[in-house]
Amino acid sequence: MEAAKEKSLLETILEQIKIIVVIYGIIIVVHMVSMGTPLPGLLKSTVVSFIMVAIAIVLKNVVKKPNLPGFAWATLVAFVLTLPISPLSDTIVELMSAYSFGLVGIPLLSFAGIAVGEQLEVFKKLSWKIVIISFVVMASTYFGSAAISNIILAAKGLI
């Protein structure tokens, strides 16, 4: 029974990695077409990013508490590995320089939307109040970020 469970976990991880490979293929094509980024630099950035995402996929499937979505695990892995105290930080940032993160975000946000769309039944139970709460949270985040930026820029004499 345990071997069957491990096999299904491995199959799940491999299935998710196959989807990620397709996403990275899209990212490479978009970068080459829209920005003319050379393939060797893109491959370095892709390998580094893929490793971080693969770690996140494994964590998502192995760690049950907290039950975070895959993109949250990917964000945490990338955040931890690129913290200034991380010995890998400078290397990762340098290797990722071929990526335009605006272009990377397009397919990732599309797939995140699909992942959220699979939770439609949960959203139905939350009722219309979640829309108001979402707007308040988004507006607060925007204005809070703008206020912090304004304070820091003013303190540095840049505005």
Protein backbone atom coordinates (compact mmCIF):
# COMPACT_ATOMS: atom_id res chain seq x y z
CA MET A 1 0.00 0.00 0.00
CA GLU A 2 2.81 2.41 0.92
CA ALA A 3 4.62 1.75 -2.38
CA ALA A 4 1.44 2.52 -4.31
CA LYS A 5 1.02 5.78 -2.40
CA GLU A 6 4.62 6.80 -3.10
CA LYS A 7 4.19 5.91 -6.75
CA SER A 8 1.07 8.03 -7.01
CA LEU A 9 2.89 10.91 -5.29
CA LEU A 10 5.78 10.55 -7.72
CA GLU A 11 3.36 10.37 -10.65
CA THR A 12 1.61 13.51 -9.41
CA ILE A 13 4.90 15.38 -9.12
CA LEU A 14 6.03 14.25 -12.59
CA GLU A 15 2.68 15.25 -14.10
CA GLN A 16 2.98 18.73 -12.59
CA ILE A 17 6.59 19.02 -13.78
CA LYS A 18 5.46 18.17 -17.33
CA ILE A 19 3.06 21.11 -17.20
CA ILE A 20 5.85 23.37 -15.92
CA VAL A 21 8.08 22.30 -18.82
CA VAL A 22 5.36 23.45 -21.24
CA ILE A 23 5.10 26.79 -19.40
CA TYR A 24 8.86 27.29 -19.63
CA GLY A 25 8.71 26.50 -23.33
CA ILE A 26 6.15 29.29 -23.73
CA ILE A 27 8.31 31.66 -21.65
CA ILE A 28 11.38 30.95 -23.81
CA VAL A 29 9.48 31.52 -27.06
CA VAL A 30 7.91 34.75 -25.76
CA HIS A 31 11.32 36.09 -24.70
CA MET A 32 13.00 35.17 -27.98
CA VAL A 33 10.21 36.66 -30.12
CA SER A 34 9.37 39.80 -28.15
CA MET A 35 12.77 40.79 -26.78
CA GLY A 36 15.22 38.94 -29.00
CA THR A 37 16.89 37.42 -25.95
CA PRO A 38 19.57 34.91 -27.00
CA LEU A 39 18.86 31.27 -26.19
CA PRO A 40 22.00 30.54 -24.07
CA GLY A 41 21.12 33.21 -21.51
CA LEU A 42 17.50 32.10 -21.47
CA LEU A 43 18.51 28.50 -20.85
CA LYS A 44 20.55 29.47 -17.78
CA SER A 45 17.67 31.49 -16.37
CA THR A 46 15.22 28.73 -17.21
CA VAL A 47 17.26 26.01 -15.50
CA VAL A 48 17.64 28.07 -12.31
CA SER A 49 13.96 29.00 -12.25
CA PHE A 50 12.92 25.43 -13.07
CA ILE A 51 14.93 24.07 -10.15
CA MET A 52 13.21 26.49 -7.77
CA VAL A 53 9.78 25.57 -9.16
CA ALA A 54 10.58 21.84 -8.96
CA ILE A 55 11.48 22.29 -5.28
CA ALA A 56 8.17 24.11 -4.78
CA ILE A 57 6.24 21.30 -6.50
CA VAL A 58 7.82 18.70 -4.25
CA LEU A 59 7.08 20.81 -1.16
CA LYS A 60 3.48 21.34 -2.25
CA ASN A 61 2.91 17.62 -2.60
CA VAL A 62 4.86 16.49 0.47
CA VAL A 63 4.13 19.18 3.07
CA LYS A 64 0.47 18.96 4.06
CA LYS A 65 0.39 21.67 6.73
CA PRO A 66 0.09 24.48 5.75
CA ASN A 67 -1.86 23.55 2.65
CA LEU A 68 -0.52 26.22 0.30
CA PRO A 69 -1.07 26.40 -3.46
CA GLY A 70 1.90 25.70 -5.72
CA PHE A 71 2.54 29.32 -6.65
CA ALA A 72 2.76 30.23 -2.95
CA TRP A 73 5.40 27.54 -2.43
CA ALA A 74 7.27 28.78 -5.51
CA THR A 75 7.19 32.32 -4.15
CA LEU A 76 8.49 31.16 -0.75
CA VAL A 77 11.30 29.08 -2.28
CA ALA A 78 12.43 31.92 -4.55
CA PHE A 79 12.15 34.42 -1.69
CA VAL A 80 14.25 32.34 0.69
CA LEU A 81 16.90 31.50 -1.92
CA THR A 82 17.30 35.14 -2.96
CA LEU A 83 17.37 36.72 0.50
CA PRO A 84 20.56 38.75 0.97
CA ILE A 85 21.68 36.30 3.68
CA SER A 86 21.42 33.35 1.27
CA PRO A 87 24.78 32.20 -0.13
CA LEU A 88 23.00 31.52 -3.45
CA SER A 89 21.40 34.95 -3.72
CA ASP A 90 23.94 36.71 -5.95
CA THR A 91 24.34 33.70 -8.23
CA ILE A 92 20.60 33.23 -8.68
CA VAL A 93 20.00 36.91 -9.36
CA GLU A 94 22.83 37.00 -11.91
CA LEU A 95 21.66 33.83 -13.67
CA MET A 96 18.06 35.07 -13.79
CA SER A 97 19.06 38.33 -15.52
CA ALA A 98 17.97 37.08 -18.96
CA TYR A 99 14.34 37.00 -17.85
CA SER A 100 11.97 39.91 -18.13
CA PHE A 101 9.67 39.18 -15.23
CA GLY A 102 6.79 41.00 -16.87
CA LEU A 103 6.91 38.42 -19.65
CA VAL A 104 7.37 35.54 -17.20
CA GLY A 105 4.30 36.67 -15.29
CA ILE A 106 1.91 36.38 -18.22
CA PRO A 107 1.80 32.57 -18.47
CA LEU A 108 2.26 32.14 -14.71
CA LEU A 109 -0.70 34.37 -13.89
CA SER A 110 -2.76 32.54 -16.49
CA PHE A 111 -2.05 29.21 -14.84
CA ALA A 112 -2.61 30.69 -11.37
CA GLY A 113 -6.02 31.85 -12.61
CA ILE A 114 -6.77 28.33 -13.79
CA ALA A 115 -5.74 26.95 -10.40
CA VAL A 116 -8.03 29.41 -8.62
CA GLY A 117 -10.80 28.60 -11.10
CA GLU A 118 -10.71 25.00 -9.93
CA GLN A 119 -11.80 26.26 -6.50
CA LEU A 120 -15.03 27.77 -7.84
CA GLU A 121 -17.24 25.82 -5.40
CA VAL A 122 -15.34 27.32 -2.47
CA PHE A 123 -15.87 30.82 -3.87
CA LYS A 124 -19.61 30.18 -4.27
CA LYS A 125 -19.84 29.42 -0.55
CA LEU A 126 -18.11 32.71 0.34
CA SER A 127 -20.95 34.84 -1.14
CA TRP A 128 -20.82 38.34 -2.60
CA LYS A 129 -19.06 39.75 0.47
CA ILE A 130 -15.74 38.35 -0.74
CA VAL A 131 -15.85 40.82 -3.66
CA ILE A 132 -16.01 43.80 -1.30
CA ILE A 133 -13.29 42.35 0.91
CA SER A 134 -11.09 41.74 -2.16
CA PHE A 135 -11.46 45.33 -3.32
CA VAL A 136 -10.66 46.67 0.15
CA VAL A 137 -7.59 44.43 0.43
CA MET A 138 -6.32 45.37 -3.05
CA ALA A 139 -6.89 49.09 -2.48
CA SER A 140 -5.25 48.94 0.94
CA THR A 141 -2.24 47.12 -0.48
CA TYR A 142 -1.91 49.64 -3.31
CA PHE A 143 -2.24 52.73 -1.14
CA GLY A 144 -0.10 51.23 1.62
CA SER A 145 2.69 50.46 -0.87
CA ALA A 146 2.40 53.93 -2.38
CA ALA A 147 2.59 55.55 1.06
CA ILE A 148 5.67 53.52 2.07
CA SER A 149 7.35 54.31 -1.26
CA ASN A 150 6.54 57.99 -0.88
CA ILE A 151 7.98 58.09 2.65
CA ILE A 152 11.19 56.31 1.63
CA LEU A 153 11.70 58.42 -1.51
CA ALA A 154 11.05 61.62 0.48
CA ALA A 155 13.49 60.51 3.20
CA LYS A 156 16.18 59.93 0.57
CA GLY A 157 15.44 63.31 -1.02
CA LEU A 158 14.40 61.81 -4.36
CA ILE A 159 11.00 63.52 -4.41
